[in-house]
Amino acid sequence: MASKRTYGDPCGIARALDVIGERWALLVVRELLLGPKRFTDLRAGMPNLSPDVLSQRLRELEQAGVVRRGSLPPPAGSRIYELTDWGRELEPIVLGLGRWASRRAPFPPPGAPIGADSIVLALKTLYDQRFADGLLDKSFELRLGDQRFEARPTDGRLDVSRGAATAPTATITTDPTTLEHVLWHAGAPTTDDLTITGDRRAAVRFLTMFPLPD
């Protein structure tokens, strides 16, 4: 097997790109930022990535110490992939790239397919605390298809964890593409494909906390 390419440059930036600069590598990291996933879950989040290339990227990232393999507890016992502590340090870098692209790069057109993890990470990227008055530390559950996330606005960032919220202020049920349309194209949660239970006023305010950069 051919050895992995390298820039051969001692600069820290070049050495970082030696680790995560291969095509799809950083998107694999993106898919794992919110928690461990099975191989099939990773494939679902990156449908244009072939299984062979995904296996290669996972192998390379594991060898580099960014990703490790594990198993779900019994009775499932499924093999999973997760970020190491060093790999999780990439989160602000990934979110920073998303924020940078949101300012100038072409924005996806309405209705463009987007994965659940991608839309949730977009919320973390664009979270603006100026719109969170009265909502800090409240819990919101996002039900995006068959996936559940708990989102909690805090001082300076949006904390998100995979899984159902214990006692959410409100629950927002929709799909990732509809949520993107509501947040950045429709301007208000007026679609029949998005439902709110619990404190509707708080949920509507929650949906305003992610404005696009000027």
Protein backbone atom coordinates (compact mmCIF):
# COMPACT_ATOMS: atom_id res chain seq x y z
CA MET A 1 0.00 0.00 0.00
CA ALA A 2 1.33 3.45 -0.91
CA SER A 3 2.49 5.57 2.00
CA LYS A 4 0.39 8.55 2.99
CA ARG A 5 1.35 11.79 1.29
CA THR A 6 3.08 14.50 3.28
CA TYR A 7 3.95 18.13 2.66
CA GLY A 8 7.39 17.52 4.15
CA ASP A 9 7.18 20.94 5.78
CA PRO A 10 8.04 21.41 9.49
CA CYS A 11 5.48 24.22 9.86
CA GLY A 12 2.72 23.30 12.33
CA ILE A 13 0.03 24.13 9.78
CA ALA A 14 1.57 21.79 7.23
CA ARG A 15 1.94 19.04 9.84
CA ALA A 16 -1.72 19.46 10.79
CA LEU A 17 -2.70 19.09 7.14
CA ASP A 18 -0.59 15.94 6.97
CA VAL A 19 -3.05 14.51 9.53
CA ILE A 20 -6.42 15.93 8.44
CA GLY A 21 -5.77 17.37 5.00
CA GLU A 22 -6.76 14.35 2.92
CA ARG A 23 -10.10 14.60 1.13
CA TRP A 24 -13.00 13.67 3.45
CA ALA A 25 -10.81 13.45 6.57
CA LEU A 26 -12.11 16.62 8.18
CA LEU A 27 -15.70 15.67 7.35
CA VAL A 28 -15.18 12.37 9.16
CA VAL A 29 -14.11 14.45 12.16
CA ARG A 30 -17.23 16.60 11.71
CA GLU A 31 -19.45 13.53 11.83
CA LEU A 32 -17.90 12.44 15.14
CA LEU A 33 -17.90 15.77 16.97
CA LEU A 34 -21.29 15.11 18.57
CA GLY A 35 -20.43 11.60 19.70
CA PRO A 36 -19.50 8.09 18.56
CA LYS A 37 -20.99 6.53 15.42
CA ARG A 38 -21.12 3.18 13.71
CA PHE A 39 -19.65 2.80 10.23
CA THR A 40 -23.15 2.77 8.71
CA ASP A 41 -24.03 6.00 10.55
CA LEU A 42 -20.93 7.67 9.15
CA ARG A 43 -21.90 6.53 5.67
CA ALA A 44 -25.39 7.98 6.13
CA GLY A 45 -23.91 11.35 7.07
CA MET A 46 -21.62 11.40 4.01
CA PRO A 47 -23.63 9.64 1.26
CA ASN A 48 -21.19 10.71 -1.47
CA LEU A 49 -18.26 8.97 0.23
CA SER A 50 -17.55 5.41 -0.86
CA PRO A 51 -17.17 2.70 1.82
CA ASP A 52 -13.59 1.99 0.71
CA VAL A 53 -12.49 5.61 1.06
CA LEU A 54 -14.26 5.92 4.42
CA SER A 55 -12.45 2.83 5.68
CA GLN A 56 -9.15 4.28 4.51
CA ARG A 57 -9.76 7.64 6.18
CA LEU A 58 -10.79 6.00 9.44
CA ARG A 59 -7.68 3.85 9.35
CA GLU A 60 -5.46 6.88 8.73
CA LEU A 61 -7.12 8.97 11.43
CA GLU A 62 -6.85 6.07 13.87
CA GLN A 63 -3.15 5.66 13.11
CA ALA A 64 -2.68 9.40 13.66
CA GLY A 65 -4.39 9.27 17.07
CA VAL A 66 -7.41 11.36 16.05
CA VAL A 67 -9.98 8.54 16.01
CA ARG A 68 -10.26 5.32 17.98
CA ARG A 69 -12.47 2.27 17.73
CA GLY A 70 -14.77 1.11 20.49
CA SER A 71 -17.92 -0.92 21.11
CA LEU A 72 -21.38 -0.08 22.35
CA PRO A 73 -22.28 -1.70 25.68
CA PRO A 74 -24.28 -4.97 25.64
CA PRO A 75 -26.64 -6.06 24.30
CA ALA A 76 -25.86 -4.01 21.18
CA GLY A 77 -22.10 -4.52 21.16
CA SER A 78 -21.77 -2.75 17.79
CA ARG A 79 -18.38 -1.43 16.73
CA ILE A 80 -18.20 2.35 16.85
CA TYR A 81 -15.74 5.08 16.00
CA GLU A 82 -15.13 8.08 18.23
CA LEU A 83 -12.73 10.98 18.56
CA THR A 84 -9.84 10.79 20.96
CA ASP A 85 -9.25 13.66 23.38
CA TRP A 86 -6.79 15.07 20.84
CA GLY A 87 -9.33 14.66 18.06
CA ARG A 88 -12.00 16.53 20.04
CA GLU A 89 -9.67 19.52 20.19
CA LEU A 90 -10.49 20.00 16.50
CA GLU A 91 -14.04 21.20 17.31
CA PRO A 92 -13.27 24.95 17.47
CA ILE A 93 -11.26 24.62 14.27
CA VAL A 94 -14.11 22.90 12.43
CA LEU A 95 -16.68 25.40 13.73
CA GLY A 96 -14.35 28.27 12.84
CA LEU A 97 -14.13 27.01 9.26
CA GLY A 98 -17.92 26.86 9.10
CA ARG A 99 -18.20 30.40 10.44
CA TRP A 100 -15.58 31.62 7.97
CA ALA A 101 -17.40 30.03 5.01
CA SER A 102 -20.76 31.44 6.16
CA ARG A 103 -19.47 34.97 5.67
CA ARG A 104 -18.43 34.76 2.03
CA ALA A 105 -18.82 31.31 0.45
CA PRO A 106 -21.99 30.61 -1.61
CA PHE A 107 -24.81 29.66 0.77
CA PRO A 108 -26.71 26.43 -0.02
CA PRO A 109 -29.95 27.06 -1.92
CA PRO A 110 -33.28 26.36 -0.20
CA GLY A 111 -34.07 22.67 -0.06
CA ALA A 112 -30.48 21.47 -0.43
CA PRO A 113 -30.14 18.15 1.47
CA ILE A 114 -28.23 18.43 4.74
CA GLY A 115 -27.48 15.88 7.45
CA ALA A 116 -28.65 16.06 11.05
CA ASP A 117 -25.13 16.48 12.46
CA SER A 118 -24.33 19.14 9.89
CA ILE A 119 -27.35 21.28 10.77
CA VAL A 120 -26.72 20.91 14.51
CA LEU A 121 -23.08 21.92 14.07
CA ALA A 122 -24.30 24.90 12.03
CA LEU A 123 -26.33 25.95 15.08
CA LYS A 124 -23.19 25.76 17.23
CA THR A 125 -21.28 27.71 14.59
CA LEU A 126 -23.79 30.56 14.21
CA TYR A 127 -25.05 30.79 17.81
CA ASP A 128 -25.35 34.45 18.82
CA GLN A 129 -25.76 34.97 22.55
CA ARG A 130 -27.21 38.44 22.00
CA PHE A 131 -30.49 36.73 21.08
CA ALA A 132 -30.47 34.35 24.07
CA ASP A 133 -31.71 36.71 26.77
CA GLY A 134 -33.89 34.72 29.18
CA LEU A 135 -33.03 31.39 27.54
CA LEU A 136 -29.59 30.74 29.00
CA ASP A 137 -29.27 27.23 30.42
CA LYS A 138 -32.77 26.26 29.26
CA SER A 139 -32.99 22.93 27.49
CA PHE A 140 -34.41 22.34 24.02
CA GLU A 141 -34.85 18.98 22.36
CA LEU A 142 -34.35 18.75 18.60
CA ARG A 143 -35.98 15.76 16.93
CA LEU A 144 -34.52 15.58 13.46
CA GLY A 145 -35.93 12.50 11.77
CA ASP A 146 -34.90 9.56 13.93
CA GLN A 147 -32.16 11.52 15.70
CA ARG A 148 -32.43 13.39 19.01
CA PHE A 149 -30.28 16.20 20.33
CA GLU A 150 -30.39 18.34 23.45
CA ALA A 151 -29.39 21.98 22.90
CA ARG A 152 -28.68 24.32 25.78
CA PRO A 153 -27.80 28.01 25.20
CA THR A 154 -25.05 29.07 27.60
CA ASP A 155 -22.83 32.06 28.15
CA GLY A 156 -20.82 32.24 24.96
CA ARG A 157 -21.68 28.96 23.26
CA LEU A 158 -24.42 26.47 22.46
CA ASP A 159 -23.92 23.16 24.26
CA VAL A 160 -25.28 20.21 22.29
CA SER A 161 -25.34 16.52 23.18
CA ARG A 162 -26.69 13.57 21.24
CA GLY A 163 -29.79 12.02 22.79
CA ALA A 164 -33.16 13.03 24.19
CA ALA A 165 -33.41 15.88 26.71
CA THR A 166 -34.58 14.95 30.21
CA ALA A 167 -36.94 17.87 30.85
CA PRO A 168 -36.83 20.22 27.85
CA THR A 169 -38.39 23.68 27.88
CA ALA A 170 -39.65 22.88 24.39
CA THR A 171 -39.27 20.20 21.75
CA ILE A 172 -38.83 21.02 18.06
CA THR A 173 -39.69 18.20 15.65
CA THR A 174 -38.76 18.46 11.99
CA ASP A 175 -36.15 17.25 9.51
CA PRO A 176 -32.72 18.83 8.85
CA THR A 177 -33.63 20.34 5.47
CA THR A 178 -36.81 21.93 6.82
CA LEU A 179 -34.94 23.32 9.82
CA GLU A 180 -32.39 24.91 7.51
CA HIS A 181 -35.21 26.46 5.45
CA VAL A 182 -36.92 27.84 8.55
CA LEU A 183 -33.73 29.27 10.03
CA TRP A 184 -32.17 30.90 6.99
CA HIS A 185 -34.75 31.13 4.20
CA ALA A 186 -38.29 31.37 5.57
CA GLY A 187 -37.56 33.71 8.47
CA ALA A 188 -40.16 32.16 10.80
CA PRO A 189 -41.35 28.65 11.82
CA THR A 190 -44.43 28.74 9.61
CA THR A 191 -44.18 25.34 7.91
CA ASP A 192 -46.40 22.36 8.63
CA ASP A 193 -43.24 20.23 8.58
CA LEU A 194 -42.00 21.75 11.85
CA THR A 195 -43.92 21.25 15.11
CA ILE A 196 -43.28 22.63 18.58
CA THR A 197 -44.40 21.18 21.89
CA GLY A 198 -43.87 22.80 25.26
CA ASP A 199 -43.09 26.51 25.57
CA ARG A 200 -43.74 27.67 22.00
CA ARG A 201 -42.62 31.26 22.64
CA ALA A 202 -39.26 30.04 23.99
CA ALA A 203 -38.84 27.69 21.02
CA VAL A 204 -39.53 30.45 18.50
CA ARG A 205 -36.98 32.65 20.25
CA PHE A 206 -34.53 29.76 20.21
CA LEU A 207 -34.86 29.60 16.44
CA THR A 208 -33.79 33.26 16.15
CA MET A 209 -30.42 32.74 17.84
CA PHE A 210 -28.57 31.65 14.69
CA PRO A 211 -28.41 34.62 12.29
CA LEU A 212 -26.12 34.50 9.30
CA PRO A 213 -23.04 36.76 9.55
CA ASP A 214 -23.30 40.17 7.92
